[in-house]
Amino acid sequence: MPFGLGLPELLIILVVVILLFGAGRISKIAGEVGRGFREFRKGLKDEESTPPPDTTEPKKQ
């Protein structure tokens, strides 16, 4: 486990977080975090599919 935390320690932390914030607020926060990740990935995908703008100057005649 990361940082030397085992399952019992993680469960205690989870219970404390639920007591502090409440289950409803935690689910709302998790939904917002998930929505943020989706928007971030969508932005990365859009950036990859959009060709870079043409930065060359037109030739003068």
C-alpha atoms as a PDB file:
ATOM      1  CA  MET A   1       0.000   0.000   0.000  1.00  0.00           C
ATOM      2  CA  PRO A   2       1.176   3.558  -0.630  1.00  0.00           C
ATOM      3  CA  PHE A   3       2.779   5.395   2.301  1.00  0.00           C
ATOM      4  CA  GLY A   4       2.720   2.229   4.401  1.00  0.00           C
ATOM      5  CA  LEU A   5      -1.056   2.387   4.918  1.00  0.00           C
ATOM      6  CA  GLY A   6      -2.875  -0.894   5.197  1.00  0.00           C
ATOM      7  CA  LEU A   7      -6.536  -1.711   4.735  1.00  0.00           C
ATOM      8  CA  PRO A   8      -7.525  -0.960   8.364  1.00  0.00           C
ATOM      9  CA  GLU A   9      -5.946   2.490   8.222  1.00  0.00           C
ATOM     10  CA  LEU A  10      -7.622   3.312   4.915  1.00  0.00           C
ATOM     11  CA  LEU A  11     -11.010   2.206   6.282  1.00  0.00           C
ATOM     12  CA  ILE A  12     -10.593   4.426   9.345  1.00  0.00           C
ATOM     13  CA  ILE A  13      -9.705   7.392   7.129  1.00  0.00           C
ATOM     14  CA  LEU A  14     -12.754   6.676   4.949  1.00  0.00           C
ATOM     15  CA  VAL A  15     -15.068   6.564   7.977  1.00  0.00           C
ATOM     16  CA  VAL A  16     -13.670   9.853   9.304  1.00  0.00           C
ATOM     17  CA  VAL A  17     -14.123  11.539   5.916  1.00  0.00           C
ATOM     18  CA  ILE A  18     -17.723  10.293   5.691  1.00  0.00           C
ATOM     19  CA  LEU A  19     -18.425  11.579   9.199  1.00  0.00           C
ATOM     20  CA  LEU A  20     -16.940  14.984   8.398  1.00  0.00           C
ATOM     21  CA  PHE A  21     -18.533  15.589   5.012  1.00  0.00           C
ATOM     22  CA  GLY A  22     -21.496  13.240   4.864  1.00  0.00           C
ATOM     23  CA  ALA A  23     -22.182  10.673   2.162  1.00  0.00           C
ATOM     24  CA  GLY A  24     -24.248  13.057   0.018  1.00  0.00           C
ATOM     25  CA  ARG A  25     -21.572  15.686  -0.212  1.00  0.00           C
ATOM     26  CA  ILE A  26     -18.866  13.106  -0.951  1.00  0.00           C
ATOM     27  CA  SER A  27     -20.854  11.720  -3.891  1.00  0.00           C
ATOM     28  CA  LYS A  28     -21.394  15.254  -5.198  1.00  0.00           C
ATOM     29  CA  ILE A  29     -17.665  16.007  -4.970  1.00  0.00           C
ATOM     30  CA  ALA A  30     -16.807  12.701  -6.675  1.00  0.00           C
ATOM     31  CA  GLY A  31     -19.220  13.525  -9.503  1.00  0.00           C
ATOM     32  CA  GLU A  32     -17.634  16.929 -10.003  1.00  0.00           C
ATOM     33  CA  VAL A  33     -14.143  15.418 -10.036  1.00  0.00           C
ATOM     34  CA  GLY A  34     -15.248  12.844 -12.618  1.00  0.00           C
ATOM     35  CA  ARG A  35     -16.807  15.560 -14.762  1.00  0.00           C
ATOM     36  CA  GLY A  36     -13.559  17.525 -14.575  1.00  0.00           C
ATOM     37  CA  PHE A  37     -11.517  14.523 -15.700  1.00  0.00           C
ATOM     38  CA  ARG A  38     -13.881  13.946 -18.641  1.00  0.00           C
ATOM     39  CA  GLU A  39     -13.587  17.576 -19.736  1.00  0.00           C
ATOM     40  CA  PHE A  40      -9.799  17.408 -19.409  1.00  0.00           C
ATOM     41  CA  ARG A  41      -9.567  14.267 -21.563  1.00  0.00           C
ATOM     42  CA  LYS A  42     -11.990  15.754 -24.084  1.00  0.00           C
ATOM     43  CA  GLY A  43      -9.835  18.868 -24.292  1.00  0.00           C
ATOM     44  CA  LEU A  44      -6.721  16.785 -24.874  1.00  0.00           C
ATOM     45  CA  LYS A  45      -8.450  14.781 -27.598  1.00  0.00           C
ATOM     46  CA  ASP A  46      -9.732  17.940 -29.318  1.00  0.00           C
ATOM     47  CA  GLU A  47      -6.273  19.488 -29.192  1.00  0.00           C
ATOM     48  CA  GLU A  48      -4.712  16.413 -30.816  1.00  0.00           C
ATOM     49  CA  SER A  49      -7.283  16.289 -33.621  1.00  0.00           C
ATOM     50  CA  THR A  50      -7.108  20.019 -34.423  1.00  0.00           C
ATOM     51  CA  PRO A  51      -4.258  20.823 -36.821  1.00  0.00           C
ATOM     52  CA  PRO A  52      -1.927  23.591 -35.703  1.00  0.00           C
ATOM     53  CA  PRO A  53      -2.559  26.994 -37.282  1.00  0.00           C
ATOM     54  CA  ASP A  54      -0.469  28.010 -40.270  1.00  0.00           C
ATOM     55  CA  THR A  55       2.201  30.329 -38.925  1.00  0.00           C
ATOM     56  CA  THR A  56       4.090  30.919 -42.158  1.00  0.00           C
ATOM     57  CA  GLU A  57       3.800  34.355 -43.680  1.00  0.00           C
ATOM     58  CA  PRO A  58       2.313  34.595 -47.158  1.00  0.00           C
ATOM     59  CA  LYS A  59       4.807  35.318 -49.929  1.00  0.00           C
ATOM     60  CA  LYS A  60       4.868  38.920 -51.071  1.00  0.00           C
ATOM     61  CA  GLN A  61       4.665  39.549 -54.807  1.00  0.00           C
END
